[in-house]
């Protein structure tokens, strides 16, 4: 949810309070607001629709069955991290079963998103994203928050797939450096 403002963060926190009280309507509202984000992250990591659908279902099942796992803070960041971790668990289990390598679409630095989402608020992330050059920021936003695969970003922008991957990787490195600077400051 690029550009999530404080009221959206507060709305999600209020909805989570209601989910903790077993309010199905609040759960549906959260699902409506965040299922595309969850599905997009899962699809990007797994690279297959059925797997992304399974991860989306698992994430929202966790949200309903253990609503206290979200204590406070930026809900979009929290659900993104939960989704990422669940999808990576699936990748790892597939690798063990198939004795194959992890897909090349997996993020190069696993700690980047965990550190960023766990330690920073949405305003810091928005500021760090805004500081990236547009040619790096746009593919990152389309991929992470627009639920597009690298191939879909390449088609949409008319930029070669290899260039998209390079720009995302370079942008994530810059983003990490920027966010780590905020954490240590």
C-alpha atoms as a PDB file:
ATOM      1  CA  UNK A   1       0.000   0.000   0.000  1.00  0.00           C
ATOM      2  CA  UNK A   2       2.318   2.678  -1.258  1.00  0.00           C
ATOM      3  CA  UNK A   3       1.252   6.028   0.028  1.00  0.00           C
ATOM      4  CA  UNK A   4      -0.713   4.612   2.954  1.00  0.00           C
ATOM      5  CA  UNK A   5      -1.543   7.601   5.080  1.00  0.00           C
ATOM      6  CA  UNK A   6      -1.945   7.759   8.830  1.00  0.00           C
ATOM      7  CA  UNK A   7      -5.732   7.416   8.632  1.00  0.00           C
ATOM      8  CA  UNK A   8      -5.384   4.152   6.649  1.00  0.00           C
ATOM      9  CA  UNK A   9      -2.966   2.819   9.277  1.00  0.00           C
ATOM     10  CA  UNK A  10      -5.372   3.879  12.053  1.00  0.00           C
ATOM     11  CA  UNK A  11      -8.334   2.359  10.169  1.00  0.00           C
ATOM     12  CA  UNK A  12      -6.529  -0.992   9.901  1.00  0.00           C
ATOM     13  CA  UNK A  13      -5.668  -0.873  13.605  1.00  0.00           C
ATOM     14  CA  UNK A  14      -9.311  -0.190  14.469  1.00  0.00           C
ATOM     15  CA  UNK A  15     -10.449  -3.007  12.213  1.00  0.00           C
ATOM     16  CA  UNK A  16      -7.977  -5.356  13.904  1.00  0.00           C
ATOM     17  CA  UNK A  17      -9.446  -4.419  17.271  1.00  0.00           C
ATOM     18  CA  UNK A  18     -12.832  -5.483  15.941  1.00  0.00           C
ATOM     19  CA  UNK A  19     -11.365  -8.708  14.471  1.00  0.00           C
ATOM     20  CA  UNK A  20     -10.006  -9.526  17.941  1.00  0.00           C
ATOM     21  CA  UNK A  21     -13.649  -9.310  19.085  1.00  0.00           C
ATOM     22  CA  UNK A  22     -14.563 -11.800  16.285  1.00  0.00           C
ATOM     23  CA  UNK A  23     -16.251  -9.193  14.062  1.00  0.00           C
ATOM     24  CA  UNK A  24     -16.606 -10.858  10.641  1.00  0.00           C
ATOM     25  CA  UNK A  25     -17.412  -7.567   8.945  1.00  0.00           C
ATOM     26  CA  UNK A  26     -14.123  -6.055  10.085  1.00  0.00           C
ATOM     27  CA  UNK A  27     -12.287  -9.131   8.807  1.00  0.00           C
ATOM     28  CA  UNK A  28     -13.984  -8.786   5.421  1.00  0.00           C
ATOM     29  CA  UNK A  29     -12.996  -5.114   5.278  1.00  0.00           C
ATOM     30  CA  UNK A  30      -9.358  -5.987   5.960  1.00  0.00           C
ATOM     31  CA  UNK A  31      -9.497  -8.733   3.357  1.00  0.00           C
ATOM     32  CA  UNK A  32     -10.975  -6.369   0.773  1.00  0.00           C
ATOM     33  CA  UNK A  33      -8.318  -3.755   1.506  1.00  0.00           C
ATOM     34  CA  UNK A  34      -5.258  -6.028   1.629  1.00  0.00           C
ATOM     35  CA  UNK A  35      -5.848  -9.260  -0.301  1.00  0.00           C
ATOM     36  CA  UNK A  36      -4.333  -7.845  -3.507  1.00  0.00           C
ATOM     37  CA  UNK A  37      -1.174  -6.826  -1.633  1.00  0.00           C
ATOM     38  CA  UNK A  38      -0.891 -10.260   0.008  1.00  0.00           C
ATOM     39  CA  UNK A  39      -1.563 -12.111  -3.240  1.00  0.00           C
ATOM     40  CA  UNK A  40       0.910  -9.929  -5.161  1.00  0.00           C
ATOM     41  CA  UNK A  41       3.749 -10.560  -2.729  1.00  0.00           C
ATOM     42  CA  UNK A  42       3.047 -14.294  -2.669  1.00  0.00           C
ATOM     43  CA  UNK A  43       2.821 -14.472  -6.468  1.00  0.00           C
ATOM     44  CA  UNK A  44       6.066 -12.592  -6.884  1.00  0.00           C
ATOM     45  CA  UNK A  45       7.946 -14.921  -4.549  1.00  0.00           C
ATOM     46  CA  UNK A  46       6.340 -18.200  -5.629  1.00  0.00           C
ATOM     47  CA  UNK A  47       5.765 -17.504  -9.294  1.00  0.00           C
ATOM     48  CA  UNK A  48       2.596 -19.589  -9.506  1.00  0.00           C
ATOM     49  CA  UNK A  49      -1.065 -18.731  -9.084  1.00  0.00           C
ATOM     50  CA  UNK A  50      -2.190 -21.743  -7.019  1.00  0.00           C
ATOM     51  CA  UNK A  51       0.685 -21.273  -4.574  1.00  0.00           C
ATOM     52  CA  UNK A  52      -0.043 -17.546  -4.241  1.00  0.00           C
ATOM     53  CA  UNK A  53      -3.719 -18.302  -3.619  1.00  0.00           C
ATOM     54  CA  UNK A  54      -2.779 -20.835  -0.931  1.00  0.00           C
ATOM     55  CA  UNK A  55      -0.467 -18.361   0.791  1.00  0.00           C
ATOM     56  CA  UNK A  56      -3.141 -15.655   0.649  1.00  0.00           C
ATOM     57  CA  UNK A  57      -5.615 -18.027   2.264  1.00  0.00           C
ATOM     58  CA  UNK A  58      -3.087 -19.051   4.934  1.00  0.00           C
ATOM     59  CA  UNK A  59      -2.238 -15.437   5.786  1.00  0.00           C
ATOM     60  CA  UNK A  60      -5.870 -14.434   6.228  1.00  0.00           C
ATOM     61  CA  UNK A  61      -6.624 -17.628   8.139  1.00  0.00           C
ATOM     62  CA  UNK A  62      -3.800 -16.708  10.513  1.00  0.00           C
ATOM     63  CA  UNK A  63      -5.205 -13.195  10.790  1.00  0.00           C
ATOM     64  CA  UNK A  64      -8.622 -14.572  11.801  1.00  0.00           C
ATOM     65  CA  UNK A  65      -7.410 -17.392  14.041  1.00  0.00           C
ATOM     66  CA  UNK A  66      -4.658 -15.447  15.819  1.00  0.00           C
ATOM     67  CA  UNK A  67      -5.593 -11.756  15.630  1.00  0.00           C
ATOM     68  CA  UNK A  68      -3.383 -10.932  18.616  1.00  0.00           C
ATOM     69  CA  UNK A  69      -0.315 -11.651  16.453  1.00  0.00           C
ATOM     70  CA  UNK A  70      -0.725  -8.062  15.210  1.00  0.00           C
ATOM     71  CA  UNK A  71      -0.079  -5.883  18.231  1.00  0.00           C
ATOM     72  CA  UNK A  72       0.149  -2.402  16.751  1.00  0.00           C
ATOM     73  CA  UNK A  73       1.926  -0.323  14.144  1.00  0.00           C
ATOM     74  CA  UNK A  74       1.687  -0.347  10.385  1.00  0.00           C
ATOM     75  CA  UNK A  75      -0.726  -3.113   9.398  1.00  0.00           C
ATOM     76  CA  UNK A  76       0.356  -3.128   5.733  1.00  0.00           C
ATOM     77  CA  UNK A  77       3.974  -3.629   6.751  1.00  0.00           C
ATOM     78  CA  UNK A  78       3.013  -6.379   9.183  1.00  0.00           C
ATOM     79  CA  UNK A  79       0.836  -8.305   6.739  1.00  0.00           C
ATOM     80  CA  UNK A  80       3.486  -7.903   4.036  1.00  0.00           C
ATOM     81  CA  UNK A  81       6.102  -9.433   6.323  1.00  0.00           C
ATOM     82  CA  UNK A  82       3.767 -12.287   7.346  1.00  0.00           C
ATOM     83  CA  UNK A  83       3.043 -12.974   3.666  1.00  0.00           C
ATOM     84  CA  UNK A  84       6.683 -12.871   2.691  1.00  0.00           C
ATOM     85  CA  UNK A  85       7.662 -15.237   5.479  1.00  0.00           C
ATOM     86  CA  UNK A  86       4.850 -17.680   4.627  1.00  0.00           C
ATOM     87  CA  UNK A  87       5.761 -17.641   0.931  1.00  0.00           C
ATOM     88  CA  UNK A  88       9.434 -18.231   1.745  1.00  0.00           C
ATOM     89  CA  UNK A  89       8.405 -21.177   3.933  1.00  0.00           C
ATOM     90  CA  UNK A  90       6.632 -22.630   0.892  1.00  0.00           C
ATOM     91  CA  UNK A  91       9.708 -22.050  -1.275  1.00  0.00           C
ATOM     92  CA  UNK A  92      11.899 -23.777   1.299  1.00  0.00           C
ATOM     93  CA  UNK A  93       9.546 -26.741   1.623  1.00  0.00           C
ATOM     94  CA  UNK A  94       9.439 -27.097  -2.165  1.00  0.00           C
ATOM     95  CA  UNK A  95      13.225 -27.027  -2.318  1.00  0.00           C
ATOM     96  CA  UNK A  96      13.453 -29.760   0.295  1.00  0.00           C
ATOM     97  CA  UNK A  97      10.857 -31.929  -1.476  1.00  0.00           C
ATOM     98  CA  UNK A  98      12.229 -31.399  -4.962  1.00  0.00           C
ATOM     99  CA  UNK A  99      15.913 -30.966  -4.092  1.00  0.00           C
ATOM    100  CA  UNK A 100      15.934 -27.958  -6.415  1.00  0.00           C
ATOM    101  CA  UNK A 101      17.286 -24.432  -6.188  1.00  0.00           C
ATOM    102  CA  UNK A 102      15.281 -21.495  -4.906  1.00  0.00           C
ATOM    103  CA  UNK A 103      13.724 -19.548  -7.808  1.00  0.00           C
ATOM    104  CA  UNK A 104      15.654 -16.599  -9.195  1.00  0.00           C
ATOM    105  CA  UNK A 105      12.673 -14.342  -8.429  1.00  0.00           C
ATOM    106  CA  UNK A 106      13.388 -14.575  -4.695  1.00  0.00           C
ATOM    107  CA  UNK A 107      14.721 -11.376  -3.129  1.00  0.00           C
ATOM    108  CA  UNK A 108      18.514 -11.306  -2.942  1.00  0.00           C
ATOM    109  CA  UNK A 109      18.679  -9.990   0.599  1.00  0.00           C
ATOM    110  CA  UNK A 110      16.117 -11.641   2.884  1.00  0.00           C
ATOM    111  CA  UNK A 111      16.897  -9.331   5.790  1.00  0.00           C
ATOM    112  CA  UNK A 112      16.079  -6.126   3.887  1.00  0.00           C
ATOM    113  CA  UNK A 113      12.296  -6.286   4.115  1.00  0.00           C
ATOM    114  CA  UNK A 114      12.283  -7.720   7.636  1.00  0.00           C
ATOM    115  CA  UNK A 115      14.473  -4.908   8.919  1.00  0.00           C
ATOM    116  CA  UNK A 116      12.584  -2.221   7.043  1.00  0.00           C
ATOM    117  CA  UNK A 117       9.108  -3.387   8.008  1.00  0.00           C
ATOM    118  CA  UNK A 118       9.964  -4.264  11.586  1.00  0.00           C
ATOM    119  CA  UNK A 119      11.818  -1.096  12.501  1.00  0.00           C
ATOM    120  CA  UNK A 120      10.350   1.715  10.507  1.00  0.00           C
ATOM    121  CA  UNK A 121       6.981   3.334  10.151  1.00  0.00           C
ATOM    122  CA  UNK A 122       5.161   3.953   6.903  1.00  0.00           C
ATOM    123  CA  UNK A 123       6.312   7.574   6.652  1.00  0.00           C
ATOM    124  CA  UNK A 124       9.963   6.518   6.747  1.00  0.00           C
ATOM    125  CA  UNK A 125       9.402   3.908   4.078  1.00  0.00           C
ATOM    126  CA  UNK A 126       7.518   6.377   1.863  1.00  0.00           C
ATOM    127  CA  UNK A 127      10.326   8.901   2.299  1.00  0.00           C
ATOM    128  CA  UNK A 128      12.990   6.312   1.480  1.00  0.00           C
ATOM    129  CA  UNK A 129      11.051   5.161  -1.594  1.00  0.00           C
ATOM    130  CA  UNK A 130      10.592   8.759  -2.722  1.00  0.00           C
ATOM    131  CA  UNK A 131      14.367   9.281  -2.544  1.00  0.00           C
ATOM    132  CA  UNK A 132      15.001   6.568  -5.156  1.00  0.00           C
ATOM    133  CA  UNK A 133      15.453   7.515  -8.796  1.00  0.00           C
ATOM    134  CA  UNK A 134      12.203   7.039 -10.699  1.00  0.00           C
ATOM    135  CA  UNK A 135      13.665   4.271 -12.890  1.00  0.00           C
ATOM    136  CA  UNK A 136      14.232   2.206  -9.704  1.00  0.00           C
ATOM    137  CA  UNK A 137      11.251   3.366  -7.634  1.00  0.00           C
ATOM    138  CA  UNK A 138       8.587   2.637 -10.258  1.00  0.00           C
ATOM    139  CA  UNK A 139       9.438  -1.059 -10.786  1.00  0.00           C
ATOM    140  CA  UNK A 140       9.733  -1.591  -7.005  1.00  0.00           C
ATOM    141  CA  UNK A 141       6.321  -0.050  -6.403  1.00  0.00           C
ATOM    142  CA  UNK A 142       4.749  -2.015  -9.261  1.00  0.00           C
ATOM    143  CA  UNK A 143       6.287  -5.265  -8.050  1.00  0.00           C
ATOM    144  CA  UNK A 144       5.907  -5.040  -4.303  1.00  0.00           C
ATOM    145  CA  UNK A 145       2.750  -2.993  -4.043  1.00  0.00           C
ATOM    146  CA  UNK A 146       1.095  -3.366  -7.434  1.00  0.00           C
ATOM    147  CA  UNK A 147       1.177  -7.160  -7.383  1.00  0.00           C
ATOM    148  CA  UNK A 148       2.992  -7.378 -10.734  1.00  0.00           C
ATOM    149  CA  UNK A 149       5.651  -9.933 -11.618  1.00  0.00           C
ATOM    150  CA  UNK A 150       8.941  -8.850 -13.150  1.00  0.00           C
ATOM    151  CA  UNK A 151       7.681  -9.968 -16.574  1.00  0.00           C
ATOM    152  CA  UNK A 152       4.459  -7.979 -16.161  1.00  0.00           C
ATOM    153  CA  UNK A 153       6.443  -4.871 -15.167  1.00  0.00           C
ATOM    154  CA  UNK A 154       8.616  -5.295 -18.262  1.00  0.00           C
ATOM    155  CA  UNK A 155       5.563  -5.608 -20.515  1.00  0.00           C
ATOM    156  CA  UNK A 156       3.786  -2.667 -18.896  1.00  0.00           C
ATOM    157  CA  UNK A 157       6.819  -0.347 -19.063  1.00  0.00           C
ATOM    158  CA  UNK A 158       8.307  -1.600 -22.335  1.00  0.00           C
ATOM    159  CA  UNK A 159      11.662  -2.105 -20.596  1.00  0.00           C
ATOM    160  CA  UNK A 160      13.574  -5.404 -21.060  1.00  0.00           C
ATOM    161  CA  UNK A 161      13.078  -7.974 -18.283  1.00  0.00           C
ATOM    162  CA  UNK A 162      16.776  -8.081 -17.386  1.00  0.00           C
ATOM    163  CA  UNK A 163      16.834  -4.300 -16.998  1.00  0.00           C
ATOM    164  CA  UNK A 164      13.771  -4.429 -14.724  1.00  0.00           C
ATOM    165  CA  UNK A 165      15.443  -7.029 -12.495  1.00  0.00           C
ATOM    166  CA  UNK A 166      18.648  -4.985 -12.358  1.00  0.00           C
ATOM    167  CA  UNK A 167      16.795  -1.776 -11.493  1.00  0.00           C
ATOM    168  CA  UNK A 168      14.772  -3.482  -8.752  1.00  0.00           C
ATOM    169  CA  UNK A 169      17.913  -5.032  -7.263  1.00  0.00           C
ATOM    170  CA  UNK A 170      19.770  -1.704  -7.357  1.00  0.00           C
ATOM    171  CA  UNK A 171      16.766   0.126  -5.923  1.00  0.00           C
ATOM    172  CA  UNK A 172      16.408  -2.363  -3.073  1.00  0.00           C
ATOM    173  CA  UNK A 173      20.080  -1.921  -2.221  1.00  0.00           C
ATOM    174  CA  UNK A 174      19.649   1.853  -2.140  1.00  0.00           C
ATOM    175  CA  UNK A 175      16.462   1.510  -0.126  1.00  0.00           C
ATOM    176  CA  UNK A 176      18.218  -0.740   2.380  1.00  0.00           C
ATOM    177  CA  UNK A 177      21.100   1.713   2.750  1.00  0.00           C
ATOM    178  CA  UNK A 178      18.666   4.576   3.239  1.00  0.00           C
ATOM    179  CA  UNK A 179      16.520   2.707   5.776  1.00  0.00           C
ATOM    180  CA  UNK A 180      19.523   1.410   7.714  1.00  0.00           C
ATOM    181  CA  UNK A 181      20.743   5.005   7.914  1.00  0.00           C
ATOM    182  CA  UNK A 182      17.398   5.974   9.474  1.00  0.00           C
ATOM    183  CA  UNK A 183      17.559   3.131  11.983  1.00  0.00           C
ATOM    184  CA  UNK A 184      21.091   3.871  13.139  1.00  0.00           C
ATOM    185  CA  UNK A 185      20.580   7.642  13.194  1.00  0.00           C
END
